[in-house]
Amino acid sequence: MNKLLIGILSATLFLAACEDPAANKPKATTTNTNVMPANTNNANAAPKQGELLAINNENSKVSFVGSKVTGKHDGGFNKFSGNINLVNGKAEDSSVSVDIDIASIYTNEADLTKHLQTADFFDAEKFPKATFSSTTIVPDADKGAGNYTVTGDFELHGVKKSISFPATITVTDSEVTVDSEFSINRKDFGILYAGKADDLIRDLVAIKLDLKASRKK
């Protein structure tokens, strides 16, 4: 009986360790940058100048969760900057851009952090920056007020793609917040390192954005 109980507990712990943190996240749609998004409400419009609101690592957070067969690793970036160009006080008329310092990556393990900076993964020396610049922000009526689909050009590891992902955007008199959780396929951006034969790295990586920009009056 004791052996059976130990076996059940061991199997339970193993399965828990193997859960994919990206499995329950919406998958970002990724296309080549020369492919126009299906909804182009503001894709061809000339950029309008609105309130330029700063995003940085003091008021926002860019984080991720990667996983392999035996478990997962939490991480993020300590240095990034950007802005929200708030037009007419409406998310759908506005745009967002962010630059990320790849060398500022962190994880819950020091050795992993160093490995991620190498050519096996992000190759921080060759590709020191990742960038995102939105092209459209479209209300998602099916999900209710405050929900949007954000589409933009994302360059990572020297590969530039157009990606679309869901976001909750709130505009108040004092600030603008953007909250989003989704997954991307690292192989879409040329990050191909497989890991060890008995501990393979999963392709999908969960991304979490907590962006906040103050409106100074």
N, C-alpha and C. Protein backbone atom coordinates (compact mmCIF):
# COMPACT_ATOMS: atom_id res chain seq x y z
N MET A 1 0.83 -1.21 0.00
CA MET A 1 0.00 0.00 0.00
C MET A 1 0.86 1.26 0.00
N ASN A 2 1.94 1.24 0.84
CA ASN A 2 2.82 2.40 0.89
C ASN A 2 3.49 2.66 -0.46
N LYS A 3 3.91 1.56 -1.13
CA LYS A 3 4.55 1.71 -2.43
C LYS A 3 3.58 2.29 -3.44
N LEU A 4 2.32 1.85 -3.37
CA LEU A 4 1.30 2.36 -4.29
C LEU A 4 1.07 3.85 -4.06
N LEU A 5 0.99 4.24 -2.79
CA LEU A 5 0.77 5.64 -2.43
C LEU A 5 1.93 6.51 -2.91
N ILE A 6 3.15 6.02 -2.68
CA ILE A 6 4.34 6.76 -3.13
C ILE A 6 4.34 6.90 -4.65
N GLY A 7 3.93 5.81 -5.33
CA GLY A 7 3.89 5.86 -6.79
C GLY A 7 2.89 6.88 -7.30
N ILE A 8 1.73 6.94 -6.66
CA ILE A 8 0.70 7.90 -7.06
C ILE A 8 1.17 9.33 -6.82
N LEU A 9 1.78 9.56 -5.66
CA LEU A 9 2.27 10.89 -5.33
C LEU A 9 3.38 11.32 -6.29
N SER A 10 4.26 10.40 -6.61
CA SER A 10 5.35 10.71 -7.54
C SER A 10 4.82 11.07 -8.92
N ALA A 11 3.84 10.29 -9.38
CA ALA A 11 3.25 10.56 -10.69
C ALA A 11 2.55 11.90 -10.70
N THR A 12 1.86 12.23 -9.60
CA THR A 12 1.16 13.51 -9.50
C THR A 12 2.13 14.67 -9.56
N LEU A 13 3.21 14.57 -8.80
CA LEU A 13 4.23 15.63 -8.79
C LEU A 13 4.88 15.77 -10.16
N PHE A 14 5.13 14.65 -10.83
CA PHE A 14 5.76 14.69 -12.15
C PHE A 14 4.85 15.37 -13.16
N LEU A 15 3.57 15.01 -13.14
CA LEU A 15 2.63 15.61 -14.07
C LEU A 15 2.48 17.10 -13.81
N ALA A 16 2.50 17.51 -12.54
CA ALA A 16 2.40 18.93 -12.20
C ALA A 16 3.60 19.68 -12.74
N ALA A 17 4.78 19.07 -12.63
CA ALA A 17 6.00 19.72 -13.12
C ALA A 17 5.98 19.85 -14.63
N CYS A 18 5.26 18.95 -15.30
CA CYS A 18 5.26 18.93 -16.77
C CYS A 18 4.19 19.82 -17.38
N GLU A 19 3.33 20.44 -16.58
CA GLU A 19 2.28 21.28 -17.13
C GLU A 19 2.87 22.40 -17.97
N ASP A 20 2.22 22.69 -19.07
CA ASP A 20 2.68 23.73 -19.98
C ASP A 20 2.01 25.04 -19.60
N PRO A 21 2.76 26.04 -19.11
CA PRO A 21 2.16 27.30 -18.69
C PRO A 21 1.59 28.12 -19.84
N ALA A 22 1.97 27.78 -21.08
CA ALA A 22 1.46 28.51 -22.24
C ALA A 22 0.20 27.86 -22.82
N ALA A 23 -0.14 26.67 -22.32
CA ALA A 23 -1.23 25.89 -22.93
C ALA A 23 -2.57 26.59 -22.82
N ASN A 24 -2.81 27.31 -21.72
CA ASN A 24 -4.10 27.95 -21.53
C ASN A 24 -4.10 29.43 -21.88
N LYS A 25 -3.07 29.88 -22.58
CA LYS A 25 -2.98 31.29 -23.00
C LYS A 25 -3.36 31.41 -24.48
N PRO A 26 -4.03 32.49 -24.86
CA PRO A 26 -4.32 32.69 -26.28
C PRO A 26 -3.03 32.75 -27.09
N LYS A 27 -3.01 32.10 -28.23
CA LYS A 27 -1.82 32.12 -29.08
C LYS A 27 -1.83 33.36 -29.96
N ALA A 28 -0.73 34.10 -29.93
CA ALA A 28 -0.61 35.25 -30.81
C ALA A 28 -0.61 34.78 -32.26
N THR A 29 -1.31 35.51 -33.12
CA THR A 29 -1.28 35.23 -34.54
C THR A 29 -0.05 35.90 -35.14
N THR A 30 0.77 35.14 -35.84
CA THR A 30 2.03 35.65 -36.38
C THR A 30 2.05 35.52 -37.89
N THR A 31 2.34 36.62 -38.57
CA THR A 31 2.44 36.61 -40.03
C THR A 31 3.66 37.43 -40.44
N ASN A 32 4.04 37.31 -41.70
CA ASN A 32 5.09 38.17 -42.22
C ASN A 32 4.62 39.61 -42.22
N THR A 33 5.54 40.55 -42.08
CA THR A 33 5.16 41.95 -41.92
C THR A 33 4.57 42.56 -43.18
N ASN A 34 4.73 41.89 -44.34
CA ASN A 34 4.15 42.43 -45.57
C ASN A 34 2.72 41.96 -45.80
N VAL A 35 2.16 41.19 -44.83
CA VAL A 35 0.78 40.74 -44.91
C VAL A 35 -0.08 41.67 -44.09
N MET A 36 -1.07 42.29 -44.71
CA MET A 36 -1.93 43.23 -44.01
C MET A 36 -2.88 42.51 -43.08
N PRO A 37 -3.15 43.05 -41.88
CA PRO A 37 -4.13 42.44 -40.98
C PRO A 37 -5.52 42.49 -41.59
N ALA A 38 -6.38 41.56 -41.18
CA ALA A 38 -7.73 41.47 -41.75
C ALA A 38 -8.53 42.74 -41.50
N ASN A 39 -8.41 43.31 -40.31
CA ASN A 39 -9.11 44.54 -39.98
C ASN A 39 -8.11 45.68 -40.03
N THR A 40 -8.29 46.61 -40.94
CA THR A 40 -7.32 47.68 -41.12
C THR A 40 -7.95 49.04 -40.82
N ASN A 41 -8.71 49.12 -39.73
CA ASN A 41 -9.40 50.35 -39.37
C ASN A 41 -8.47 51.55 -39.32
N ASN A 42 -7.27 51.37 -38.76
CA ASN A 42 -6.36 52.51 -38.68
C ASN A 42 -4.97 52.18 -39.22
N ALA A 43 -4.86 51.07 -39.98
CA ALA A 43 -3.55 50.64 -40.46
C ALA A 43 -2.98 51.59 -41.49
N ASN A 44 -3.86 52.20 -42.33
CA ASN A 44 -3.37 53.05 -43.40
C ASN A 44 -3.48 54.53 -43.06
N ALA A 45 -3.99 54.85 -41.90
CA ALA A 45 -4.16 56.24 -41.52
C ALA A 45 -2.83 56.86 -41.12
N ALA A 46 -2.68 58.15 -41.42
CA ALA A 46 -1.47 58.85 -41.01
C ALA A 46 -1.43 58.93 -39.49
N PRO A 47 -0.27 58.71 -38.88
CA PRO A 47 -0.17 58.77 -37.42
C PRO A 47 -0.62 60.13 -36.88
N LYS A 48 -1.41 60.12 -35.85
CA LYS A 48 -1.86 61.35 -35.22
C LYS A 48 -1.11 61.56 -33.91
N GLN A 49 -0.79 62.78 -33.63
CA GLN A 49 -0.09 63.08 -32.39
C GLN A 49 -1.10 63.37 -31.29
N GLY A 50 -1.01 62.59 -30.23
CA GLY A 50 -1.88 62.80 -29.09
C GLY A 50 -1.06 63.05 -27.84
N GLU A 51 -1.51 62.51 -26.72
CA GLU A 51 -0.73 62.59 -25.48
C GLU A 51 0.34 61.50 -25.51
N LEU A 52 1.59 61.91 -25.40
CA LEU A 52 2.68 60.94 -25.41
C LEU A 52 2.99 60.54 -23.97
N LEU A 53 2.66 59.30 -23.62
CA LEU A 53 2.77 58.81 -22.25
C LEU A 53 3.89 57.79 -22.15
N ALA A 54 4.78 57.98 -21.18
CA ALA A 54 5.99 57.15 -21.09
C ALA A 54 5.71 55.80 -20.43
N ILE A 55 6.34 54.76 -21.01
CA ILE A 55 6.36 53.41 -20.43
C ILE A 55 7.80 53.08 -20.08
N ASN A 56 8.05 52.57 -18.89
CA ASN A 56 9.40 52.13 -18.54
C ASN A 56 9.32 51.09 -17.43
N ASN A 57 10.48 50.54 -17.06
CA ASN A 57 10.50 49.46 -16.08
C ASN A 57 10.16 49.92 -14.67
N GLU A 58 10.00 51.22 -14.46
CA GLU A 58 9.60 51.71 -13.15
C GLU A 58 8.09 51.65 -12.95
N ASN A 59 7.34 51.71 -14.04
CA ASN A 59 5.89 51.69 -13.89
C ASN A 59 5.21 50.50 -14.58
N SER A 60 6.02 49.65 -15.23
CA SER A 60 5.45 48.56 -16.01
C SER A 60 6.28 47.29 -15.85
N LYS A 61 5.78 46.20 -16.42
CA LYS A 61 6.47 44.92 -16.31
C LYS A 61 6.27 44.13 -17.60
N VAL A 62 7.37 43.56 -18.11
CA VAL A 62 7.33 42.65 -19.25
C VAL A 62 7.94 41.33 -18.78
N SER A 63 7.12 40.29 -18.71
CA SER A 63 7.60 39.02 -18.16
C SER A 63 7.18 37.85 -19.04
N PHE A 64 7.75 36.68 -18.75
CA PHE A 64 7.45 35.49 -19.54
C PHE A 64 7.60 34.25 -18.67
N VAL A 65 7.04 33.15 -19.17
CA VAL A 65 7.24 31.84 -18.56
C VAL A 65 7.57 30.87 -19.68
N GLY A 66 8.76 30.28 -19.60
CA GLY A 66 9.16 29.24 -20.54
C GLY A 66 9.14 27.90 -19.84
N SER A 67 9.02 26.83 -20.61
CA SER A 67 8.95 25.52 -19.96
C SER A 67 9.65 24.45 -20.79
N LYS A 68 9.93 23.35 -20.11
CA LYS A 68 10.50 22.16 -20.75
C LYS A 68 9.80 20.95 -20.16
N VAL A 69 10.24 19.78 -20.52
CA VAL A 69 9.54 18.58 -20.10
C VAL A 69 9.45 18.46 -18.59
N THR A 70 10.50 18.87 -17.89
CA THR A 70 10.56 18.65 -16.44
C THR A 70 10.10 19.84 -15.60
N GLY A 71 9.74 20.94 -16.21
CA GLY A 71 9.29 22.06 -15.38
C GLY A 71 9.26 23.37 -16.15
N LYS A 72 9.20 24.48 -15.41
CA LYS A 72 9.08 25.80 -16.03
C LYS A 72 10.03 26.78 -15.37
N HIS A 73 10.22 27.93 -16.03
CA HIS A 73 11.07 28.99 -15.50
C HIS A 73 10.39 30.33 -15.73
N ASP A 74 10.33 31.13 -14.67
CA ASP A 74 9.78 32.48 -14.75
C ASP A 74 10.90 33.45 -15.08
N GLY A 75 10.57 34.47 -15.87
CA GLY A 75 11.58 35.46 -16.22
C GLY A 75 10.96 36.74 -16.73
N GLY A 76 11.82 37.64 -17.18
CA GLY A 76 11.35 38.92 -17.71
C GLY A 76 12.53 39.78 -18.10
N PHE A 77 12.27 41.08 -18.24
CA PHE A 77 13.30 42.03 -18.63
C PHE A 77 13.30 43.21 -17.68
N ASN A 78 14.50 43.57 -17.20
CA ASN A 78 14.63 44.66 -16.24
C ASN A 78 14.67 46.03 -16.88
N LYS A 79 15.03 46.09 -18.18
CA LYS A 79 15.15 47.38 -18.84
C LYS A 79 14.35 47.40 -20.14
N PHE A 80 13.44 48.33 -20.23
CA PHE A 80 12.68 48.57 -21.45
C PHE A 80 12.09 49.97 -21.37
N SER A 81 11.73 50.51 -22.51
CA SER A 81 11.14 51.84 -22.55
C SER A 81 10.25 51.95 -23.77
N GLY A 82 9.34 52.91 -23.74
CA GLY A 82 8.44 53.10 -24.86
C GLY A 82 7.43 54.17 -24.54
N ASN A 83 6.38 54.20 -25.33
CA ASN A 83 5.34 55.19 -25.06
C ASN A 83 4.00 54.74 -25.61
N ILE A 84 2.98 55.31 -25.04
CA ILE A 84 1.62 55.19 -25.56
C ILE A 84 1.25 56.55 -26.15
N ASN A 85 0.90 56.57 -27.42
CA ASN A 85 0.43 57.79 -28.05
C ASN A 85 -1.09 57.78 -27.97
N LEU A 86 -1.63 58.43 -26.94
CA LEU A 86 -3.06 58.41 -26.67
C LEU A 86 -3.75 59.49 -27.49
N VAL A 87 -4.60 59.06 -28.43
CA VAL A 87 -5.28 59.98 -29.34
C VAL A 87 -6.77 59.98 -29.05
N ASN A 88 -7.32 61.16 -28.84
CA ASN A 88 -8.76 61.33 -28.59
C ASN A 88 -9.24 60.60 -27.34
N GLY A 89 -8.30 60.21 -26.48
CA GLY A 89 -8.67 59.50 -25.27
C GLY A 89 -9.22 58.11 -25.52
N LYS A 90 -8.98 57.57 -26.74
CA LYS A 90 -9.54 56.27 -27.11
C LYS A 90 -8.41 55.31 -27.48
N ALA A 91 -8.50 54.09 -26.99
CA ALA A 91 -7.47 53.09 -27.29
C ALA A 91 -7.40 52.80 -28.78
N GLU A 92 -8.57 52.71 -29.45
CA GLU A 92 -8.60 52.33 -30.85
C GLU A 92 -8.02 53.39 -31.79
N ASP A 93 -7.89 54.62 -31.31
CA ASP A 93 -7.27 55.69 -32.11
C ASP A 93 -5.79 55.84 -31.79
N SER A 94 -5.30 55.07 -30.85
CA SER A 94 -3.97 55.28 -30.29
C SER A 94 -2.97 54.24 -30.77
N SER A 95 -1.75 54.34 -30.27
CA SER A 95 -0.70 53.38 -30.62
C SER A 95 0.23 53.19 -29.44
N VAL A 96 0.98 52.11 -29.48
CA VAL A 96 1.94 51.81 -28.41
C VAL A 96 3.22 51.27 -29.03
N SER A 97 4.35 51.64 -28.47
CA SER A 97 5.64 51.12 -28.92
C SER A 97 6.53 50.86 -27.71
N VAL A 98 7.33 49.80 -27.80
CA VAL A 98 8.20 49.40 -26.70
C VAL A 98 9.52 48.89 -27.26
N ASP A 99 10.64 49.30 -26.66
CA ASP A 99 11.97 48.77 -26.95
C ASP A 99 12.46 48.02 -25.72
N ILE A 100 12.95 46.80 -25.92
CA ILE A 100 13.38 45.95 -24.80
C ILE A 100 14.88 45.68 -24.90
N ASP A 101 15.59 45.90 -23.81
CA ASP A 101 17.03 45.61 -23.72
C ASP A 101 17.19 44.13 -23.40
N ILE A 102 17.62 43.35 -24.41
CA ILE A 102 17.70 41.89 -24.26
C ILE A 102 18.69 41.48 -23.17
N ALA A 103 19.78 42.22 -23.04
CA ALA A 103 20.79 41.88 -22.03
C ALA A 103 20.27 42.02 -20.61
N SER A 104 19.12 42.69 -20.44
CA SER A 104 18.56 42.87 -19.10
C SER A 104 17.66 41.72 -18.68
N ILE A 105 17.67 40.64 -19.46
CA ILE A 105 16.83 39.48 -19.15
C ILE A 105 17.17 38.91 -17.78
N TYR A 106 16.15 38.41 -17.08
CA TYR A 106 16.35 37.73 -15.80
C TYR A 106 15.46 36.50 -15.74
N THR A 107 15.85 35.52 -14.94
CA THR A 107 15.03 34.34 -14.67
C THR A 107 15.21 33.96 -13.22
N ASN A 108 14.57 32.87 -12.83
CA ASN A 108 14.69 32.40 -11.45
C ASN A 108 15.94 31.54 -11.24
N GLU A 109 16.80 31.42 -12.27
CA GLU A 109 18.06 30.68 -12.12
C GLU A 109 19.18 31.45 -12.83
N ALA A 110 20.25 31.75 -12.11
CA ALA A 110 21.35 32.55 -12.65
C ALA A 110 21.99 31.91 -13.88
N ASP A 111 22.22 30.59 -13.83
CA ASP A 111 22.86 29.91 -14.96
C ASP A 111 21.98 29.97 -16.20
N LEU A 112 20.67 29.84 -16.01
CA LEU A 112 19.75 29.92 -17.14
C LEU A 112 19.76 31.33 -17.74
N THR A 113 19.79 32.33 -16.89
CA THR A 113 19.83 33.71 -17.37
C THR A 113 21.02 33.92 -18.29
N LYS A 114 22.19 33.42 -17.89
CA LYS A 114 23.39 33.55 -18.71
C LYS A 114 23.23 32.79 -20.03
N HIS A 115 22.64 31.59 -19.95
CA HIS A 115 22.47 30.77 -21.16
C HIS A 115 21.53 31.46 -22.15
N LEU A 116 20.48 32.09 -21.66
CA LEU A 116 19.52 32.74 -22.54
C LEU A 116 20.13 33.91 -23.31
N GLN A 117 21.20 34.47 -22.78
CA GLN A 117 21.86 35.59 -23.46
C GLN A 117 22.77 35.13 -24.59
N THR A 118 23.04 33.84 -24.67
CA THR A 118 23.97 33.31 -25.68
C THR A 118 23.28 33.07 -27.01
N ALA A 119 24.09 32.63 -28.00
CA ALA A 119 23.58 32.36 -29.35
C ALA A 119 22.60 31.19 -29.38
N ASP A 120 22.55 30.37 -28.33
CA ASP A 120 21.57 29.29 -28.29
C ASP A 120 20.15 29.84 -28.24
N PHE A 121 20.01 31.03 -27.65
CA PHE A 121 18.68 31.61 -27.46
C PHE A 121 18.61 33.02 -28.06
N PHE A 122 18.66 34.05 -27.23
CA PHE A 122 18.42 35.42 -27.70
C PHE A 122 19.62 36.05 -28.40
N ASP A 123 20.83 35.56 -28.13
CA ASP A 123 22.05 36.12 -28.72
C ASP A 123 22.09 37.63 -28.49
N ALA A 124 22.15 38.02 -27.22
CA ALA A 124 22.05 39.42 -26.83
C ALA A 124 23.14 40.29 -27.42
N GLU A 125 24.32 39.72 -27.67
CA GLU A 125 25.41 40.52 -28.23
C GLU A 125 25.11 40.90 -29.68
N LYS A 126 24.57 39.97 -30.44
CA LYS A 126 24.28 40.22 -31.86
C LYS A 126 22.96 40.96 -32.04
N PHE A 127 21.97 40.64 -31.20
CA PHE A 127 20.64 41.26 -31.30
C PHE A 127 20.29 41.89 -29.94
N PRO A 128 20.83 43.07 -29.65
CA PRO A 128 20.70 43.65 -28.30
C PRO A 128 19.32 44.19 -27.96
N LYS A 129 18.45 44.31 -28.97
CA LYS A 129 17.17 44.96 -28.70
C LYS A 129 16.03 44.23 -29.39
N ALA A 130 14.90 44.13 -28.71
CA ALA A 130 13.65 43.70 -29.31
C ALA A 130 12.72 44.89 -29.35
N THR A 131 11.90 45.00 -30.39
CA THR A 131 11.02 46.16 -30.53
C THR A 131 9.61 45.72 -30.89
N PHE A 132 8.64 46.50 -30.43
CA PHE A 132 7.24 46.31 -30.83
C PHE A 132 6.64 47.67 -31.13
N SER A 133 5.92 47.76 -32.25
CA SER A 133 5.23 48.99 -32.62
C SER A 133 3.86 48.61 -33.17
N SER A 134 2.80 49.07 -32.53
CA SER A 134 1.46 48.67 -32.95
C SER A 134 1.08 49.30 -34.28
N THR A 135 0.26 48.58 -35.04
CA THR A 135 -0.28 49.09 -36.30
C THR A 135 -1.78 49.28 -36.22
N THR A 136 -2.47 48.43 -35.47
CA THR A 136 -3.90 48.60 -35.23
C THR A 136 -4.25 48.17 -33.82
N ILE A 137 -5.25 48.84 -33.26
CA ILE A 137 -5.84 48.45 -31.98
C ILE A 137 -7.35 48.43 -32.21
N VAL A 138 -7.92 47.24 -32.19
CA VAL A 138 -9.31 47.07 -32.61
C VAL A 138 -10.15 46.54 -31.44
N PRO A 139 -11.28 47.19 -31.13
CA PRO A 139 -12.16 46.69 -30.06
C PRO A 139 -12.65 45.28 -30.34
N ASP A 140 -12.68 44.47 -29.31
CA ASP A 140 -13.20 43.10 -29.42
C ASP A 140 -14.59 43.09 -28.80
N ALA A 141 -15.60 43.33 -29.63
CA ALA A 141 -16.97 43.48 -29.15
C ALA A 141 -17.48 42.22 -28.46
N ASP A 142 -17.01 41.06 -28.89
CA ASP A 142 -17.48 39.80 -28.31
C ASP A 142 -17.08 39.65 -26.85
N LYS A 143 -15.98 40.29 -26.46
CA LYS A 143 -15.48 40.16 -25.10
C LYS A 143 -15.90 41.32 -24.20
N GLY A 144 -16.54 42.34 -24.76
CA GLY A 144 -17.04 43.44 -23.95
C GLY A 144 -16.10 44.63 -23.90
N ALA A 145 -16.56 45.67 -23.25
CA ALA A 145 -15.82 46.93 -23.18
C ALA A 145 -14.44 46.73 -22.55
N GLY A 146 -13.46 47.43 -23.10
CA GLY A 146 -12.11 47.36 -22.56
C GLY A 146 -11.25 46.27 -23.15
N ASN A 147 -11.84 45.42 -23.99
CA ASN A 147 -11.09 44.33 -24.62
C ASN A 147 -10.77 44.67 -26.07
N TYR A 148 -9.52 44.40 -26.46
CA TYR A 148 -9.04 44.78 -27.79
C TYR A 148 -8.16 43.69 -28.38
N THR A 149 -8.01 43.73 -29.69
CA THR A 149 -6.97 42.96 -30.38
C THR A 149 -5.92 43.94 -30.86
N VAL A 150 -4.70 43.75 -30.37
CA VAL A 150 -3.59 44.62 -30.74
C VAL A 150 -2.75 43.92 -31.80
N THR A 151 -2.49 44.60 -32.89
CA THR A 151 -1.63 44.07 -33.96
C THR A 151 -0.46 45.03 -34.16
N GLY A 152 0.72 44.48 -34.36
CA GLY A 152 1.88 45.34 -34.56
C GLY A 152 3.08 44.57 -35.06
N ASP A 153 4.13 45.30 -35.36
CA ASP A 153 5.38 44.72 -35.83
C ASP A 153 6.28 44.42 -34.64
N PHE A 154 6.67 43.17 -34.53
CA PHE A 154 7.51 42.72 -33.42
C PHE A 154 8.80 42.16 -33.99
N GLU A 155 9.93 42.74 -33.57
CA GLU A 155 11.23 42.25 -34.02
C GLU A 155 11.98 41.67 -32.84
N LEU A 156 12.38 40.41 -32.96
CA LEU A 156 13.08 39.67 -31.91
C LEU A 156 14.11 38.76 -32.56
N HIS A 157 15.33 38.75 -32.02
CA HIS A 157 16.35 37.84 -32.53
C HIS A 157 16.62 38.07 -34.01
N GLY A 158 16.48 39.33 -34.44
CA GLY A 158 16.73 39.67 -35.83
C GLY A 158 15.62 39.30 -36.80
N VAL A 159 14.49 38.81 -36.29
CA VAL A 159 13.36 38.41 -37.13
C VAL A 159 12.19 39.34 -36.85
N LYS A 160 11.62 39.91 -37.90
CA LYS A 160 10.50 40.84 -37.76
C LYS A 160 9.23 40.20 -38.28
N LYS A 161 8.20 40.16 -37.42
CA LYS A 161 6.91 39.58 -37.78
C LYS A 161 5.80 40.53 -37.33
N SER A 162 4.65 40.38 -37.97
CA SER A 162 3.45 41.04 -37.48
C SER A 162 2.73 40.07 -36.55
N ILE A 163 2.41 40.53 -35.35
CA ILE A 163 1.70 39.66 -34.40
C ILE A 163 0.42 40.35 -33.92
N SER A 164 -0.58 39.54 -33.61
CA SER A 164 -1.84 40.02 -33.05
C SER A 164 -2.12 39.28 -31.76
N PHE A 165 -2.53 40.01 -30.73
CA PHE A 165 -2.80 39.39 -29.44
C PHE A 165 -3.88 40.17 -28.70
N PRO A 166 -4.57 39.52 -27.76
CA PRO A 166 -5.63 40.20 -27.01
C PRO A 166 -5.04 41.05 -25.89
N ALA A 167 -5.74 42.13 -25.55
CA ALA A 167 -5.30 42.99 -24.46
C ALA A 167 -6.52 43.67 -23.84
N THR A 168 -6.40 43.93 -22.54
CA THR A 168 -7.38 44.75 -21.85
C THR A 168 -6.77 46.13 -21.65
N ILE A 169 -7.41 47.14 -22.19
CA ILE A 169 -6.88 48.50 -22.13
C ILE A 169 -7.87 49.40 -21.41
N THR A 170 -7.36 50.12 -20.40
CA THR A 170 -8.20 51.01 -19.61
C THR A 170 -7.64 52.43 -19.67
N VAL A 171 -8.49 53.36 -20.02
CA VAL A 171 -8.10 54.77 -20.07
C VAL A 171 -8.89 55.54 -19.03
N THR A 172 -8.18 56.17 -18.09
CA THR A 172 -8.82 57.01 -17.09
C THR A 172 -8.23 58.41 -17.17
N ASP A 173 -8.72 59.31 -16.33
CA ASP A 173 -8.19 60.68 -16.32
C ASP A 173 -6.74 60.73 -15.85
N SER A 174 -6.33 59.71 -15.10
CA SER A 174 -4.98 59.75 -14.51
C SER A 174 -3.96 58.84 -15.18
N GLU A 175 -4.43 57.79 -15.89
CA GLU A 175 -3.47 56.85 -16.46
C GLU A 175 -4.09 55.98 -17.54
N VAL A 176 -3.20 55.30 -18.26
CA VAL A 176 -3.61 54.27 -19.23
C VAL A 176 -2.92 52.97 -18.84
N THR A 177 -3.67 51.88 -18.79
CA THR A 177 -3.09 50.58 -18.47
C THR A 177 -3.37 49.60 -19.61
N VAL A 178 -2.38 48.77 -19.86
CA VAL A 178 -2.51 47.71 -20.86
C VAL A 178 -2.11 46.40 -20.20
N ASP A 179 -3.03 45.45 -20.14
CA ASP A 179 -2.78 44.14 -19.54
C ASP A 179 -3.03 43.06 -20.58
N SER A 180 -2.07 42.17 -20.73
CA SER A 180 -2.22 41.13 -21.74
C SER A 180 -1.45 39.88 -21.36
N GLU A 181 -2.03 38.73 -21.66
CA GLU A 181 -1.36 37.44 -21.52
C GLU A 181 -1.63 36.63 -22.78
N PHE A 182 -0.57 36.14 -23.40
CA PHE A 182 -0.70 35.36 -24.61
C PHE A 182 0.57 34.52 -24.78
N SER A 183 0.61 33.69 -25.80
CA SER A 183 1.80 32.89 -26.05
C SER A 183 2.33 33.15 -27.45
N ILE A 184 3.64 33.03 -27.60
CA ILE A 184 4.26 33.08 -28.92
C ILE A 184 5.10 31.82 -29.12
N ASN A 185 5.31 31.49 -30.37
CA ASN A 185 6.17 30.35 -30.70
C ASN A 185 7.58 30.89 -30.94
N ARG A 186 8.52 30.49 -30.09
CA ARG A 186 9.88 31.01 -30.18
C ARG A 186 10.53 30.70 -31.53
N LYS A 187 10.11 29.59 -32.16
CA LYS A 187 10.70 29.20 -33.43
C LYS A 187 10.30 30.13 -34.56
N ASP A 188 9.18 30.86 -34.39
CA ASP A 188 8.80 31.86 -35.39
C ASP A 188 9.85 32.96 -35.49
N PHE A 189 10.65 33.10 -34.44
CA PHE A 189 11.66 34.16 -34.39
C PHE A 189 13.08 33.59 -34.40
N GLY A 190 13.21 32.38 -34.92
CA GLY A 190 14.52 31.78 -35.13
C GLY A 190 15.23 31.31 -33.88
N ILE A 191 14.51 31.15 -32.77
CA ILE A 191 15.10 30.63 -31.54
C ILE A 191 14.80 29.13 -31.52
N LEU A 192 15.78 28.33 -31.91
CA LEU A 192 15.53 26.93 -32.25
C LEU A 192 16.13 25.92 -31.29
N TYR A 193 16.90 26.37 -30.30
CA TYR A 193 17.59 25.45 -29.39
C TYR A 193 16.60 24.48 -28.76
N ALA A 194 16.89 23.19 -28.89
CA ALA A 194 15.93 22.16 -28.48
C ALA A 194 16.04 21.76 -27.02
N GLY A 195 17.21 21.96 -26.41
CA GLY A 195 17.42 21.47 -25.07
C GLY A 195 18.03 20.08 -25.07
N LYS A 196 18.06 19.45 -23.92
CA LYS A 196 18.61 18.11 -23.81
C LYS A 196 17.64 17.06 -24.36
N ALA A 197 18.20 15.95 -24.80
CA ALA A 197 17.37 14.92 -25.43
C ALA A 197 16.28 14.41 -24.50
N ASP A 198 16.57 14.36 -23.20
CA ASP A 198 15.58 13.87 -22.24
C ASP A 198 14.87 15.00 -21.50
N ASP A 199 15.05 16.24 -21.96
CA ASP A 199 14.44 17.38 -21.28
C ASP A 199 14.22 18.50 -22.30
N LEU A 200 13.39 18.21 -23.29
CA LEU A 200 13.19 19.12 -24.41
C LEU A 200 12.45 20.39 -24.00
N ILE A 201 12.83 21.50 -24.64
CA ILE A 201 12.22 22.80 -24.37
C ILE A 201 10.99 22.97 -25.25
N ARG A 202 9.90 23.43 -24.66
CA ARG A 202 8.68 23.62 -25.44
C ARG A 202 8.80 24.85 -26.35
N ASP A 203 8.06 24.80 -27.45
CA ASP A 203 8.12 25.89 -28.42
C ASP A 203 7.37 27.14 -27.93
N LEU A 204 6.24 26.95 -27.27
CA LEU A 204 5.42 28.09 -26.86
C LEU A 204 5.94 28.70 -25.57
N VAL A 205 5.96 30.03 -25.55
CA VAL A 205 6.38 30.79 -24.38
C VAL A 205 5.24 31.72 -23.99
N ALA A 206 4.86 31.70 -22.71
CA ALA A 206 3.79 32.57 -22.22
C ALA A 206 4.35 33.97 -21.96
N ILE A 207 3.69 34.98 -22.48
CA ILE A 207 4.09 36.37 -22.32
C ILE A 207 3.05 37.10 -21.48
N LYS A 208 3.52 37.96 -20.57
CA LYS A 208 2.61 38.76 -19.76
C LYS A 208 3.06 40.22 -19.79
N LEU A 209 2.15 41.11 -20.18
CA LEU A 209 2.44 42.54 -20.22
C LEU A 209 1.59 43.27 -19.20
N ASP A 210 2.24 44.02 -18.34
CA ASP A 210 1.56 44.90 -17.39
C ASP A 210 2.13 46.30 -17.62
N LEU A 211 1.49 47.06 -18.50
CA LEU A 211 1.99 48.38 -18.87
C LEU A 211 1.11 49.45 -18.24
N LYS A 212 1.76 50.48 -17.71
CA LYS A 212 1.04 51.55 -17.07
C LYS A 212 1.71 52.88 -17.40
N ALA A 213 0.94 53.85 -17.85
CA ALA A 213 1.50 55.16 -18.18
C ALA A 213 0.64 56.25 -17.58
N SER A 214 1.26 57.15 -16.84
CA SER A 214 0.54 58.23 -16.18
C SER A 214 0.23 59.35 -17.16
N ARG A 215 -0.96 59.95 -16.97
CA ARG A 215 -1.34 61.13 -17.74
C ARG A 215 -1.12 62.36 -16.87
N LYS A 216 -0.07 63.10 -17.15
CA LYS A 216 0.26 64.27 -16.34
C LYS A 216 -0.50 65.48 -16.86
N LYS A 217 -1.28 66.08 -15.99
CA LYS A 217 -2.07 67.24 -16.36
C LYS A 217 -1.36 68.52 -15.95
